[in-house]
Amino acid sequence: MLRFHFTSEDLTRVTVATEPHALWEIAASLHRLQTREGRWAYAPWFRTARDSLRLAGLERTVKTFLLPLFPRASYFPDFLTPPEGTQGLEAGLEAVMATPCERVAREVDALNRTVGAPAWTRRLTESDLREQLVGALRAYHRAAIAPHEECIQERLHAERVRHAHTLFQAGTEGLLAGLGPTIHWRPPVLEIDPYPDHRDVHLDGQGLLLIPSHFCWQAPIALADPGLPSVLLYPLHHLPTTTPRADSPPLNVLLGPTRAAILRASATGSTTTEAARRAGVTPTTASHHTAVLRDSGLITSHRHANTVLHTLTPLGAALLRTGPGDR
């Protein structure tokens, strides 16, 4: 079990990453390649990632160079997921290159003690091998993650909208209580159970950065070094993948007054009840229209407990920018 101990000051310093953390997504996606757990949630990605890696000539690099550094185990080096990753891939890779050699040596030694590591990993203190690592991470991201960035951004946008709703209605403690089934808010402690080891982290006023992750599956992940800023990577809620219907209604039908109103309501995120109020219809009628919009690829719907939250897809956002109903 992992436990974060909050003070009242920590509750005012809980933040949520506003962009995907490129290196955490690399780490979590490499974990997905090492297990069949959750395959249904990543079906489109699995269908393309392996082909993309093969076409890019990266299969051996992933197997012999990246997977040993990112084992799906209780530990992998913290320097591989620096906080600068929230600023984009290149910022994160620059931070990996700039990591002090002493820290790299310490964390590689911990990897070897914990799960075992090839002998070459000890040379990551050398700049030339670290440059090769950065190049491999960049190439992997380009082949396996970049083609899916629009989907990842869409899901993270929905998560941010969900958090905004929760903050307005229940404050920071409500946000902490709704992060997922393995994360439990028992004031003043945030518990993650199960977790690979038993650890207590006292935040002592520094706060906590929450990083929602597309590729993280079921089990949240925290940095191992208690001396680093506290971070919690946690999985987004997944729904079974469905294939868009070929007989989706034409666009002009979607621009009718009721559906246009519901589409506009989804721009800032809305529940079915809120969308119904905005369109002046009953929740049952609104539910029918959200299904049509969803089947047409204009909104996504995510269930959280007894509430369904509707948000725009990139196509839906483009329609609102250009459609006659938004002029």
C-alpha atoms as a PDB file:
ATOM      1  CA  MET A   1       0.000   0.000   0.000  1.00  0.00           C
ATOM      2  CA  LEU A   2       1.184   3.529  -0.838  1.00  0.00           C
ATOM      3  CA  ARG A   3      -0.069   6.343   1.384  1.00  0.00           C
ATOM      4  CA  PHE A   4       0.258  10.085   0.838  1.00  0.00           C
ATOM      5  CA  HIS A   5      -0.213  12.052   4.061  1.00  0.00           C
ATOM      6  CA  PHE A   6      -1.738  15.508   3.488  1.00  0.00           C
ATOM      7  CA  THR A   7      -1.655  18.657   5.583  1.00  0.00           C
ATOM      8  CA  SER A   8      -4.219  21.419   5.075  1.00  0.00           C
ATOM      9  CA  GLU A   9      -1.568  23.245   3.038  1.00  0.00           C
ATOM     10  CA  ASP A  10      -1.117  20.223   0.767  1.00  0.00           C
ATOM     11  CA  LEU A  11      -4.818  20.290  -0.102  1.00  0.00           C
ATOM     12  CA  THR A  12      -4.313  23.743  -1.596  1.00  0.00           C
ATOM     13  CA  ARG A  13      -1.364  22.497  -3.649  1.00  0.00           C
ATOM     14  CA  VAL A  14      -2.907  19.579  -5.500  1.00  0.00           C
ATOM     15  CA  THR A  15      -2.418  20.132  -9.226  1.00  0.00           C
ATOM     16  CA  VAL A  16      -3.363  18.135 -12.323  1.00  0.00           C
ATOM     17  CA  ALA A  17      -1.092  17.988 -15.370  1.00  0.00           C
ATOM     18  CA  THR A  18      -2.685  19.899 -18.234  1.00  0.00           C
ATOM     19  CA  GLU A  19      -0.841  18.015 -20.992  1.00  0.00           C
ATOM     20  CA  PRO A  20       0.211  14.403 -21.515  1.00  0.00           C
ATOM     21  CA  HIS A  21       3.536  13.606 -19.863  1.00  0.00           C
ATOM     22  CA  ALA A  22       5.429  12.249 -22.861  1.00  0.00           C
ATOM     23  CA  LEU A  23       7.936  10.130 -20.950  1.00  0.00           C
ATOM     24  CA  TRP A  24       5.424   8.685 -18.494  1.00  0.00           C
ATOM     25  CA  GLU A  25       3.298   7.679 -21.505  1.00  0.00           C
ATOM     26  CA  ILE A  26       6.353   6.020 -23.058  1.00  0.00           C
ATOM     27  CA  ALA A  27       6.990   4.128 -19.811  1.00  0.00           C
ATOM     28  CA  ALA A  28       3.380   3.023 -19.379  1.00  0.00           C
ATOM     29  CA  SER A  29       3.017   2.010 -23.036  1.00  0.00           C
ATOM     30  CA  LEU A  30       6.170  -0.135 -22.756  1.00  0.00           C
ATOM     31  CA  HIS A  31       4.511  -1.794 -19.774  1.00  0.00           C
ATOM     32  CA  ARG A  32       1.499  -2.537 -21.966  1.00  0.00           C
ATOM     33  CA  LEU A  33       3.762  -4.379 -24.407  1.00  0.00           C
ATOM     34  CA  GLN A  34       4.858  -6.675 -21.568  1.00  0.00           C
ATOM     35  CA  THR A  35       1.433  -7.978 -20.572  1.00  0.00           C
ATOM     36  CA  ARG A  36      -1.917  -9.036 -21.998  1.00  0.00           C
ATOM     37  CA  GLU A  37      -3.799  -7.328 -19.182  1.00  0.00           C
ATOM     38  CA  GLY A  38      -6.177  -4.674 -20.462  1.00  0.00           C
ATOM     39  CA  ARG A  39      -5.673  -5.560 -24.122  1.00  0.00           C
ATOM     40  CA  TRP A  40      -9.323  -4.726 -24.874  1.00  0.00           C
ATOM     41  CA  ALA A  41      -8.799  -1.139 -23.713  1.00  0.00           C
ATOM     42  CA  TYR A  42      -5.887  -0.624 -26.107  1.00  0.00           C
ATOM     43  CA  ALA A  43      -7.064  -2.690 -29.062  1.00  0.00           C
ATOM     44  CA  PRO A  44      -6.604   0.042 -31.731  1.00  0.00           C
ATOM     45  CA  TRP A  45      -3.133   0.825 -30.382  1.00  0.00           C
ATOM     46  CA  PHE A  46      -1.986  -2.792 -30.358  1.00  0.00           C
ATOM     47  CA  ARG A  47      -3.224  -3.216 -33.940  1.00  0.00           C
ATOM     48  CA  THR A  48      -0.906  -0.468 -35.179  1.00  0.00           C
ATOM     49  CA  ALA A  49       1.974  -0.096 -32.693  1.00  0.00           C
ATOM     50  CA  ARG A  50       3.703  -3.384 -33.435  1.00  0.00           C
ATOM     51  CA  ASP A  51       3.467  -2.802 -37.197  1.00  0.00           C
ATOM     52  CA  SER A  52       4.786   0.742 -36.794  1.00  0.00           C
ATOM     53  CA  LEU A  53       7.716  -0.428 -34.681  1.00  0.00           C
ATOM     54  CA  ARG A  54       8.571  -3.142 -37.184  1.00  0.00           C
ATOM     55  CA  LEU A  55       8.400  -0.746 -40.153  1.00  0.00           C
ATOM     56  CA  ALA A  56      10.622   1.720 -38.269  1.00  0.00           C
ATOM     57  CA  GLY A  57      13.158  -1.030 -37.546  1.00  0.00           C
ATOM     58  CA  LEU A  58      12.706  -0.586 -33.790  1.00  0.00           C
ATOM     59  CA  GLU A  59      11.683  -4.071 -32.663  1.00  0.00           C
ATOM     60  CA  ARG A  60      15.177  -5.056 -31.497  1.00  0.00           C
ATOM     61  CA  THR A  61      15.770  -1.633 -29.911  1.00  0.00           C
ATOM     62  CA  VAL A  62      12.595  -1.940 -27.881  1.00  0.00           C
ATOM     63  CA  LYS A  63      13.306  -5.506 -26.792  1.00  0.00           C
ATOM     64  CA  THR A  64      16.976  -5.174 -25.870  1.00  0.00           C
ATOM     65  CA  PHE A  65      17.365  -1.482 -25.001  1.00  0.00           C
ATOM     66  CA  LEU A  66      14.098  -0.013 -23.718  1.00  0.00           C
ATOM     67  CA  LEU A  67      12.270  -2.878 -22.021  1.00  0.00           C
ATOM     68  CA  PRO A  68      15.183  -3.674 -19.658  1.00  0.00           C
ATOM     69  CA  LEU A  69      15.048  -0.055 -18.443  1.00  0.00           C
ATOM     70  CA  PHE A  70      11.260  -0.005 -18.085  1.00  0.00           C
ATOM     71  CA  PRO A  71      10.400  -3.412 -16.593  1.00  0.00           C
ATOM     72  CA  ARG A  72       6.815  -3.981 -15.582  1.00  0.00           C
ATOM     73  CA  ALA A  73       7.926  -4.473 -12.013  1.00  0.00           C
ATOM     74  CA  SER A  74       8.121  -2.715  -8.678  1.00  0.00           C
ATOM     75  CA  TYR A  75      10.880  -0.350  -9.807  1.00  0.00           C
ATOM     76  CA  PHE A  76      12.372   1.466 -12.773  1.00  0.00           C
ATOM     77  CA  PRO A  77      14.668   4.532 -12.649  1.00  0.00           C
ATOM     78  CA  ASP A  78      12.987   7.820 -11.740  1.00  0.00           C
ATOM     79  CA  PHE A  79      15.278   9.867 -13.988  1.00  0.00           C
ATOM     80  CA  LEU A  80      13.505   8.372 -17.015  1.00  0.00           C
ATOM     81  CA  THR A  81      10.284  10.259 -16.149  1.00  0.00           C
ATOM     82  CA  PRO A  82      11.435  13.790 -15.199  1.00  0.00           C
ATOM     83  CA  PRO A  83       8.857  16.490 -14.346  1.00  0.00           C
ATOM     84  CA  GLU A  84       9.874  18.420 -17.479  1.00  0.00           C
ATOM     85  CA  GLY A  85       7.983  15.793 -19.495  1.00  0.00           C
ATOM     86  CA  THR A  86       4.768  17.764 -18.900  1.00  0.00           C
ATOM     87  CA  GLN A  87       6.283  20.438 -21.169  1.00  0.00           C
ATOM     88  CA  GLY A  88       6.611  18.042 -24.082  1.00  0.00           C
ATOM     89  CA  LEU A  89       8.808  15.230 -25.340  1.00  0.00           C
ATOM     90  CA  GLU A  90      11.899  17.302 -26.150  1.00  0.00           C
ATOM     91  CA  ALA A  91      11.900  19.067 -22.775  1.00  0.00           C
ATOM     92  CA  GLY A  92      11.670  15.689 -21.067  1.00  0.00           C
ATOM     93  CA  LEU A  93      14.507  14.216 -23.153  1.00  0.00           C
ATOM     94  CA  GLU A  94      16.719  17.210 -22.384  1.00  0.00           C
ATOM     95  CA  ALA A  95      16.110  16.570 -18.677  1.00  0.00           C
ATOM     96  CA  VAL A  96      17.095  12.908 -19.103  1.00  0.00           C
ATOM     97  CA  MET A  97      20.359  14.002 -20.726  1.00  0.00           C
ATOM     98  CA  ALA A  98      21.007  16.564 -17.982  1.00  0.00           C
ATOM     99  CA  THR A  99      20.538  14.126 -15.073  1.00  0.00           C
ATOM    100  CA  PRO A 100      23.655  14.123 -12.852  1.00  0.00           C
ATOM    101  CA  CYS A 101      25.791  11.025 -13.345  1.00  0.00           C
ATOM    102  CA  GLU A 102      25.707  10.270  -9.616  1.00  0.00           C
ATOM    103  CA  ARG A 103      21.926  10.018  -9.666  1.00  0.00           C
ATOM    104  CA  VAL A 104      21.913   7.863 -12.807  1.00  0.00           C
ATOM    105  CA  ALA A 105      24.412   5.468 -11.222  1.00  0.00           C
ATOM    106  CA  ARG A 106      22.381   5.301  -8.002  1.00  0.00           C
ATOM    107  CA  GLU A 107      19.107   4.543  -9.776  1.00  0.00           C
ATOM    108  CA  VAL A 108      20.602   2.015 -12.197  1.00  0.00           C
ATOM    109  CA  ASP A 109      22.106   0.241  -9.182  1.00  0.00           C
ATOM    110  CA  ALA A 110      18.666   0.192  -7.547  1.00  0.00           C
ATOM    111  CA  LEU A 111      17.201  -1.282 -10.745  1.00  0.00           C
ATOM    112  CA  ASN A 112      19.835  -4.020 -10.716  1.00  0.00           C
ATOM    113  CA  ARG A 113      19.223  -4.818  -7.041  1.00  0.00           C
ATOM    114  CA  THR A 114      15.450  -4.827  -7.408  1.00  0.00           C
ATOM    115  CA  VAL A 115      14.724  -6.647 -10.663  1.00  0.00           C
ATOM    116  CA  GLY A 116      18.086  -7.196 -12.352  1.00  0.00           C
ATOM    117  CA  ALA A 117      19.529  -5.255 -15.292  1.00  0.00           C
ATOM    118  CA  PRO A 118      21.982  -5.920 -18.141  1.00  0.00           C
ATOM    119  CA  ALA A 119      25.581  -4.923 -17.502  1.00  0.00           C
ATOM    120  CA  TRP A 120      25.459  -2.201 -20.183  1.00  0.00           C
ATOM    121  CA  THR A 121      23.011  -0.154 -18.093  1.00  0.00           C
ATOM    122  CA  ARG A 122      25.896   0.878 -15.830  1.00  0.00           C
ATOM    123  CA  ARG A 123      27.290   2.867 -18.759  1.00  0.00           C
ATOM    124  CA  LEU A 124      24.265   5.175 -18.803  1.00  0.00           C
ATOM    125  CA  THR A 125      26.407   7.557 -16.807  1.00  0.00           C
ATOM    126  CA  GLU A 126      28.299   8.108 -20.082  1.00  0.00           C
ATOM    127  CA  SER A 127      26.897  10.792 -22.350  1.00  0.00           C
ATOM    128  CA  ASP A 128      27.214   8.773 -25.575  1.00  0.00           C
ATOM    129  CA  LEU A 129      25.042   5.909 -24.319  1.00  0.00           C
ATOM    130  CA  ARG A 130      22.577   8.370 -22.812  1.00  0.00           C
ATOM    131  CA  GLU A 131      22.339  10.049 -26.231  1.00  0.00           C
ATOM    132  CA  GLN A 132      21.537   6.659 -27.765  1.00  0.00           C
ATOM    133  CA  LEU A 133      18.831   6.199 -25.127  1.00  0.00           C
ATOM    134  CA  VAL A 134      17.318   9.602 -25.882  1.00  0.00           C
ATOM    135  CA  GLY A 135      17.355   8.787 -29.593  1.00  0.00           C
ATOM    136  CA  ALA A 136      15.621   5.459 -28.976  1.00  0.00           C
ATOM    137  CA  LEU A 137      12.959   7.097 -26.792  1.00  0.00           C
ATOM    138  CA  ARG A 138      12.329   9.754 -29.458  1.00  0.00           C
ATOM    139  CA  ALA A 139      12.045   7.152 -32.222  1.00  0.00           C
ATOM    140  CA  TYR A 140       9.739   4.957 -30.126  1.00  0.00           C
ATOM    141  CA  HIS A 141       7.478   7.927 -29.365  1.00  0.00           C
ATOM    142  CA  ARG A 142       7.317   8.863 -33.044  1.00  0.00           C
ATOM    143  CA  ALA A 143       6.362   5.333 -34.093  1.00  0.00           C
ATOM    144  CA  ALA A 144       4.136   4.118 -31.258  1.00  0.00           C
ATOM    145  CA  ILE A 145       2.622   7.152 -29.553  1.00  0.00           C
ATOM    146  CA  ALA A 146       2.588  10.176 -31.877  1.00  0.00           C
ATOM    147  CA  PRO A 147       0.012   8.606 -34.276  1.00  0.00           C
ATOM    148  CA  HIS A 148      -2.408   8.346 -31.321  1.00  0.00           C
ATOM    149  CA  GLU A 149      -1.824  11.775 -29.770  1.00  0.00           C
ATOM    150  CA  GLU A 150      -5.190  13.166 -30.895  1.00  0.00           C
ATOM    151  CA  CYS A 151      -7.040  10.370 -29.087  1.00  0.00           C
ATOM    152  CA  ILE A 152      -4.856  10.811 -25.988  1.00  0.00           C
ATOM    153  CA  GLN A 153      -5.456  14.576 -25.956  1.00  0.00           C
ATOM    154  CA  GLU A 154      -9.201  14.017 -26.319  1.00  0.00           C
ATOM    155  CA  ARG A 155      -9.342  11.696 -23.330  1.00  0.00           C
ATOM    156  CA  LEU A 156      -7.204  13.982 -21.183  1.00  0.00           C
ATOM    157  CA  HIS A 157      -9.453  16.906 -22.078  1.00  0.00           C
ATOM    158  CA  ALA A 158     -12.452  14.892 -20.866  1.00  0.00           C
ATOM    159  CA  GLU A 159     -10.588  14.128 -17.627  1.00  0.00           C
ATOM    160  CA  ARG A 160      -9.794  17.807 -17.034  1.00  0.00           C
ATOM    161  CA  VAL A 161     -13.433  18.713 -17.612  1.00  0.00           C
ATOM    162  CA  ARG A 162     -14.472  16.028 -15.123  1.00  0.00           C
ATOM    163  CA  HIS A 163     -12.096  17.427 -12.521  1.00  0.00           C
ATOM    164  CA  ALA A 164     -13.407  20.954 -13.092  1.00  0.00           C
ATOM    165  CA  HIS A 165     -16.948  19.753 -12.416  1.00  0.00           C
ATOM    166  CA  THR A 166     -15.831  17.933  -9.287  1.00  0.00           C
ATOM    167  CA  LEU A 167     -13.881  20.908  -7.942  1.00  0.00           C
ATOM    168  CA  PHE A 168     -16.912  23.159  -8.295  1.00  0.00           C
ATOM    169  CA  GLN A 169     -19.219  20.667  -6.621  1.00  0.00           C
ATOM    170  CA  ALA A 170     -17.032  18.937  -4.012  1.00  0.00           C
ATOM    171  CA  GLY A 171     -13.669  20.710  -3.819  1.00  0.00           C
ATOM    172  CA  THR A 172     -10.210  19.150  -3.740  1.00  0.00           C
ATOM    173  CA  GLU A 173     -11.233  16.342  -1.399  1.00  0.00           C
ATOM    174  CA  GLY A 174     -13.976  15.358  -3.830  1.00  0.00           C
ATOM    175  CA  LEU A 175     -11.402  15.298  -6.622  1.00  0.00           C
ATOM    176  CA  LEU A 176      -9.110  13.022  -4.602  1.00  0.00           C
ATOM    177  CA  ALA A 177     -12.009  10.724  -3.758  1.00  0.00           C
ATOM    178  CA  GLY A 178     -12.902  10.212  -7.428  1.00  0.00           C
ATOM    179  CA  LEU A 179      -9.566   9.278  -8.975  1.00  0.00           C
ATOM    180  CA  GLY A 180     -10.280   5.589  -9.414  1.00  0.00           C
ATOM    181  CA  PRO A 181     -11.181   2.289  -7.773  1.00  0.00           C
ATOM    182  CA  THR A 182      -7.704   1.617  -6.357  1.00  0.00           C
ATOM    183  CA  ILE A 183      -7.244   5.157  -4.979  1.00  0.00           C
ATOM    184  CA  HIS A 184      -9.003   5.880  -1.691  1.00  0.00           C
ATOM    185  CA  TRP A 185      -9.289   9.235   0.094  1.00  0.00           C
ATOM    186  CA  ARG A 186      -9.403   8.692   3.831  1.00  0.00           C
ATOM    187  CA  PRO A 187      -8.741  12.178   5.228  1.00  0.00           C
ATOM    188  CA  PRO A 188      -6.005  13.198   5.586  1.00  0.00           C
ATOM    189  CA  VAL A 189      -4.467  10.230   3.736  1.00  0.00           C
ATOM    190  CA  LEU A 190      -4.661   9.218   0.083  1.00  0.00           C
ATOM    191  CA  GLU A 191      -4.220   5.436  -0.119  1.00  0.00           C
ATOM    192  CA  ILE A 192      -3.285   3.431  -3.202  1.00  0.00           C
ATOM    193  CA  ASP A 193      -4.088  -0.216  -2.683  1.00  0.00           C
ATOM    194  CA  PRO A 194      -2.880  -2.560  -4.029  1.00  0.00           C
ATOM    195  CA  TYR A 195       0.649  -1.245  -4.600  1.00  0.00           C
ATOM    196  CA  PRO A 196       3.928  -3.177  -5.112  1.00  0.00           C
ATOM    197  CA  ASP A 197       5.463  -2.020  -1.837  1.00  0.00           C
ATOM    198  CA  HIS A 198       4.404  -0.482   1.479  1.00  0.00           C
ATOM    199  CA  ARG A 199       5.373   3.159   1.736  1.00  0.00           C
ATOM    200  CA  ASP A 200       4.269   6.315   3.528  1.00  0.00           C
ATOM    201  CA  VAL A 201       4.936   9.682   1.876  1.00  0.00           C
ATOM    202  CA  HIS A 202       4.509  12.784   4.025  1.00  0.00           C
ATOM    203  CA  LEU A 203       3.881  15.686   1.664  1.00  0.00           C
ATOM    204  CA  ASP A 204       4.713  18.320   4.310  1.00  0.00           C
ATOM    205  CA  GLY A 205       3.228  21.201   2.357  1.00  0.00           C
ATOM    206  CA  GLN A 206       4.782  20.476  -1.042  1.00  0.00           C
ATOM    207  CA  GLY A 207       1.496  19.264  -2.552  1.00  0.00           C
ATOM    208  CA  LEU A 208       0.925  16.517  -5.108  1.00  0.00           C
ATOM    209  CA  LEU A 209       1.018  16.521  -8.906  1.00  0.00           C
ATOM    210  CA  LEU A 210      -1.594  14.223 -10.433  1.00  0.00           C
ATOM    211  CA  ILE A 211      -0.782  12.988 -13.937  1.00  0.00           C
ATOM    212  CA  PRO A 212      -3.674  11.282 -15.736  1.00  0.00           C
ATOM    213  CA  SER A 213      -2.309   8.699 -18.160  1.00  0.00           C
ATOM    214  CA  HIS A 214      -3.764   7.046 -21.229  1.00  0.00           C
ATOM    215  CA  PHE A 215      -1.460   4.019 -21.104  1.00  0.00           C
ATOM    216  CA  CYS A 216      -1.394   3.486 -17.341  1.00  0.00           C
ATOM    217  CA  TRP A 217      -3.641   0.501 -16.597  1.00  0.00           C
ATOM    218  CA  GLN A 218      -5.389  -0.083 -13.250  1.00  0.00           C
ATOM    219  CA  ALA A 219      -2.381   0.413 -10.954  1.00  0.00           C
ATOM    220  CA  PRO A 220      -1.209   4.007 -10.274  1.00  0.00           C
ATOM    221  CA  ILE A 221       2.538   4.678 -10.172  1.00  0.00           C
ATOM    222  CA  ALA A 222       4.582   7.056  -8.010  1.00  0.00           C
ATOM    223  CA  LEU A 223       8.242   8.018  -8.063  1.00  0.00           C
ATOM    224  CA  ALA A 224      10.374   5.757  -5.902  1.00  0.00           C
ATOM    225  CA  ASP A 225      12.698   8.413  -4.459  1.00  0.00           C
ATOM    226  CA  PRO A 226      10.983  10.204  -1.534  1.00  0.00           C
ATOM    227  CA  GLY A 227      13.370  13.120  -2.033  1.00  0.00           C
ATOM    228  CA  LEU A 228      11.808  14.012  -5.408  1.00  0.00           C
ATOM    229  CA  PRO A 229       8.629  16.118  -5.848  1.00  0.00           C
ATOM    230  CA  SER A 230       5.593  13.927  -5.189  1.00  0.00           C
ATOM    231  CA  VAL A 231       3.858  12.681  -8.310  1.00  0.00           C
ATOM    232  CA  LEU A 232       1.063  10.176  -8.871  1.00  0.00           C
ATOM    233  CA  LEU A 233       0.442   8.754 -12.333  1.00  0.00           C
ATOM    234  CA  TYR A 234      -3.038   7.305 -12.432  1.00  0.00           C
ATOM    235  CA  PRO A 235      -5.079   5.575 -15.154  1.00  0.00           C
ATOM    236  CA  LEU A 236      -7.868   7.232 -17.058  1.00  0.00           C
ATOM    237  CA  HIS A 237     -11.190   5.436 -17.008  1.00  0.00           C
ATOM    238  CA  HIS A 238     -11.487   3.116 -20.000  1.00  0.00           C
ATOM    239  CA  LEU A 239     -14.530   2.060 -21.929  1.00  0.00           C
ATOM    240  CA  PRO A 240     -14.628  -0.911 -24.324  1.00  0.00           C
ATOM    241  CA  THR A 241     -13.475   0.092 -27.784  1.00  0.00           C
ATOM    242  CA  THR A 242     -16.242   0.276 -30.361  1.00  0.00           C
ATOM    243  CA  THR A 243     -16.105   0.724 -34.085  1.00  0.00           C
ATOM    244  CA  PRO A 244     -17.881   3.810 -35.510  1.00  0.00           C
ATOM    245  CA  ARG A 245     -21.074   2.872 -37.286  1.00  0.00           C
ATOM    246  CA  ALA A 246     -20.921   3.102 -41.068  1.00  0.00           C
ATOM    247  CA  ASP A 247     -24.513   4.391 -41.220  1.00  0.00           C
ATOM    248  CA  SER A 248     -23.902   7.444 -38.967  1.00  0.00           C
ATOM    249  CA  PRO A 249     -26.491  10.169 -39.608  1.00  0.00           C
ATOM    250  CA  PRO A 250     -25.586  12.913 -42.075  1.00  0.00           C
ATOM    251  CA  LEU A 251     -24.089  16.109 -40.762  1.00  0.00           C
ATOM    252  CA  ASN A 252     -27.106  18.250 -41.594  1.00  0.00           C
ATOM    253  CA  VAL A 253     -29.269  16.130 -39.282  1.00  0.00           C
ATOM    254  CA  LEU A 254     -26.808  16.759 -36.476  1.00  0.00           C
ATOM    255  CA  LEU A 255     -27.211  20.520 -36.906  1.00  0.00           C
ATOM    256  CA  GLY A 256     -30.858  20.441 -35.871  1.00  0.00           C
ATOM    257  CA  PRO A 257     -31.637  22.795 -32.953  1.00  0.00           C
ATOM    258  CA  THR A 258     -31.746  20.184 -30.180  1.00  0.00           C
ATOM    259  CA  ARG A 259     -28.580  18.363 -31.155  1.00  0.00           C
ATOM    260  CA  ALA A 260     -26.767  21.634 -31.839  1.00  0.00           C
ATOM    261  CA  ALA A 261     -27.650  22.813 -28.323  1.00  0.00           C
ATOM    262  CA  ILE A 262     -26.378  19.576 -26.796  1.00  0.00           C
ATOM    263  CA  LEU A 263     -23.227  19.783 -28.894  1.00  0.00           C
ATOM    264  CA  ARG A 264     -22.582  23.329 -27.670  1.00  0.00           C
ATOM    265  CA  ALA A 265     -23.152  22.226 -24.070  1.00  0.00           C
ATOM    266  CA  SER A 266     -20.507  19.517 -24.543  1.00  0.00           C
ATOM    267  CA  ALA A 267     -17.903  22.162 -25.395  1.00  0.00           C
ATOM    268  CA  THR A 268     -17.358  22.752 -21.686  1.00  0.00           C
ATOM    269  CA  GLY A 269     -18.401  19.275 -20.617  1.00  0.00           C
ATOM    270  CA  SER A 270     -21.937  18.435 -19.556  1.00  0.00           C
ATOM    271  CA  THR A 271     -23.859  15.635 -17.947  1.00  0.00           C
ATOM    272  CA  THR A 272     -26.969  14.275 -19.622  1.00  0.00           C
ATOM    273  CA  THR A 273     -29.140  16.272 -17.215  1.00  0.00           C
ATOM    274  CA  GLU A 274     -27.224  19.480 -17.914  1.00  0.00           C
ATOM    275  CA  ALA A 275     -27.417  18.900 -21.664  1.00  0.00           C
ATOM    276  CA  ALA A 276     -31.171  18.314 -21.379  1.00  0.00           C
ATOM    277  CA  ARG A 277     -31.603  21.564 -19.463  1.00  0.00           C
ATOM    278  CA  ARG A 278     -29.566  23.441 -22.072  1.00  0.00           C
ATOM    279  CA  ALA A 279     -31.625  22.018 -24.943  1.00  0.00           C
ATOM    280  CA  GLY A 280     -34.977  22.328 -23.187  1.00  0.00           C
ATOM    281  CA  VAL A 281     -35.813  18.631 -23.413  1.00  0.00           C
ATOM    282  CA  THR A 282     -36.197  15.733 -21.007  1.00  0.00           C
ATOM    283  CA  PRO A 283     -33.120  13.724 -19.933  1.00  0.00           C
ATOM    284  CA  THR A 284     -34.481  10.718 -21.830  1.00  0.00           C
ATOM    285  CA  THR A 285     -34.678  12.737 -25.038  1.00  0.00           C
ATOM    286  CA  ALA A 286     -31.240  14.209 -24.414  1.00  0.00           C
ATOM    287  CA  SER A 287     -29.830  10.716 -23.919  1.00  0.00           C
ATOM    288  CA  HIS A 288     -31.148   9.736 -27.357  1.00  0.00           C
ATOM    289  CA  HIS A 289     -29.478  12.744 -28.965  1.00  0.00           C
ATOM    290  CA  THR A 290     -26.156  12.214 -27.183  1.00  0.00           C
ATOM    291  CA  ALA A 291     -26.138   8.653 -28.535  1.00  0.00           C
ATOM    292  CA  VAL A 292     -26.545  10.003 -32.086  1.00  0.00           C
ATOM    293  CA  LEU A 293     -23.795  12.575 -31.584  1.00  0.00           C
ATOM    294  CA  ARG A 294     -21.525   9.933 -30.065  1.00  0.00           C
ATOM    295  CA  ASP A 295     -22.126   7.451 -32.910  1.00  0.00           C
ATOM    296  CA  SER A 296     -21.283  10.249 -35.346  1.00  0.00           C
ATOM    297  CA  GLY A 297     -17.925  10.857 -33.710  1.00  0.00           C
ATOM    298  CA  LEU A 298     -18.777  14.347 -32.449  1.00  0.00           C
ATOM    299  CA  ILE A 299     -18.748  13.719 -28.687  1.00  0.00           C
ATOM    300  CA  THR A 300     -17.373  11.157 -26.274  1.00  0.00           C
ATOM    301  CA  SER A 301     -19.156   9.957 -23.161  1.00  0.00           C
ATOM    302  CA  HIS A 302     -17.435   8.739 -20.014  1.00  0.00           C
ATOM    303  CA  ARG A 303     -19.271   7.190 -17.082  1.00  0.00           C
ATOM    304  CA  HIS A 304     -18.142   8.055 -13.551  1.00  0.00           C
ATOM    305  CA  ALA A 305     -20.252   6.395 -10.835  1.00  0.00           C
ATOM    306  CA  ASN A 306     -23.866   7.381 -11.642  1.00  0.00           C
ATOM    307  CA  THR A 307     -22.954  10.291 -13.925  1.00  0.00           C
ATOM    308  CA  VAL A 308     -22.178  10.320 -17.645  1.00  0.00           C
ATOM    309  CA  LEU A 309     -20.045  13.247 -18.800  1.00  0.00           C
ATOM    310  CA  HIS A 310     -20.144  14.306 -22.458  1.00  0.00           C
ATOM    311  CA  THR A 311     -17.256  16.188 -24.098  1.00  0.00           C
ATOM    312  CA  LEU A 312     -16.367  17.189 -27.650  1.00  0.00           C
ATOM    313  CA  THR A 313     -14.126  15.215 -29.960  1.00  0.00           C
ATOM    314  CA  PRO A 314     -11.790  17.210 -32.252  1.00  0.00           C
ATOM    315  CA  LEU A 315     -14.359  16.704 -35.040  1.00  0.00           C
ATOM    316  CA  GLY A 316     -17.139  18.049 -32.832  1.00  0.00           C
ATOM    317  CA  ALA A 317     -15.037  21.073 -31.906  1.00  0.00           C
ATOM    318  CA  ALA A 318     -14.327  21.738 -35.582  1.00  0.00           C
ATOM    319  CA  LEU A 319     -18.040  21.504 -36.373  1.00  0.00           C
ATOM    320  CA  LEU A 320     -18.867  24.102 -33.726  1.00  0.00           C
ATOM    321  CA  ARG A 321     -16.219  26.462 -35.109  1.00  0.00           C
ATOM    322  CA  THR A 322     -17.568  26.248 -38.629  1.00  0.00           C
ATOM    323  CA  GLY A 323     -21.163  25.071 -38.385  1.00  0.00           C
ATOM    324  CA  PRO A 324     -24.137  27.389 -38.931  1.00  0.00           C
ATOM    325  CA  GLY A 325     -25.490  26.562 -35.468  1.00  0.00           C
ATOM    326  CA  ASP A 326     -22.525  28.326 -33.842  1.00  0.00           C
ATOM    327  CA  ARG A 327     -22.662  31.581 -35.800  1.00  0.00           C
END
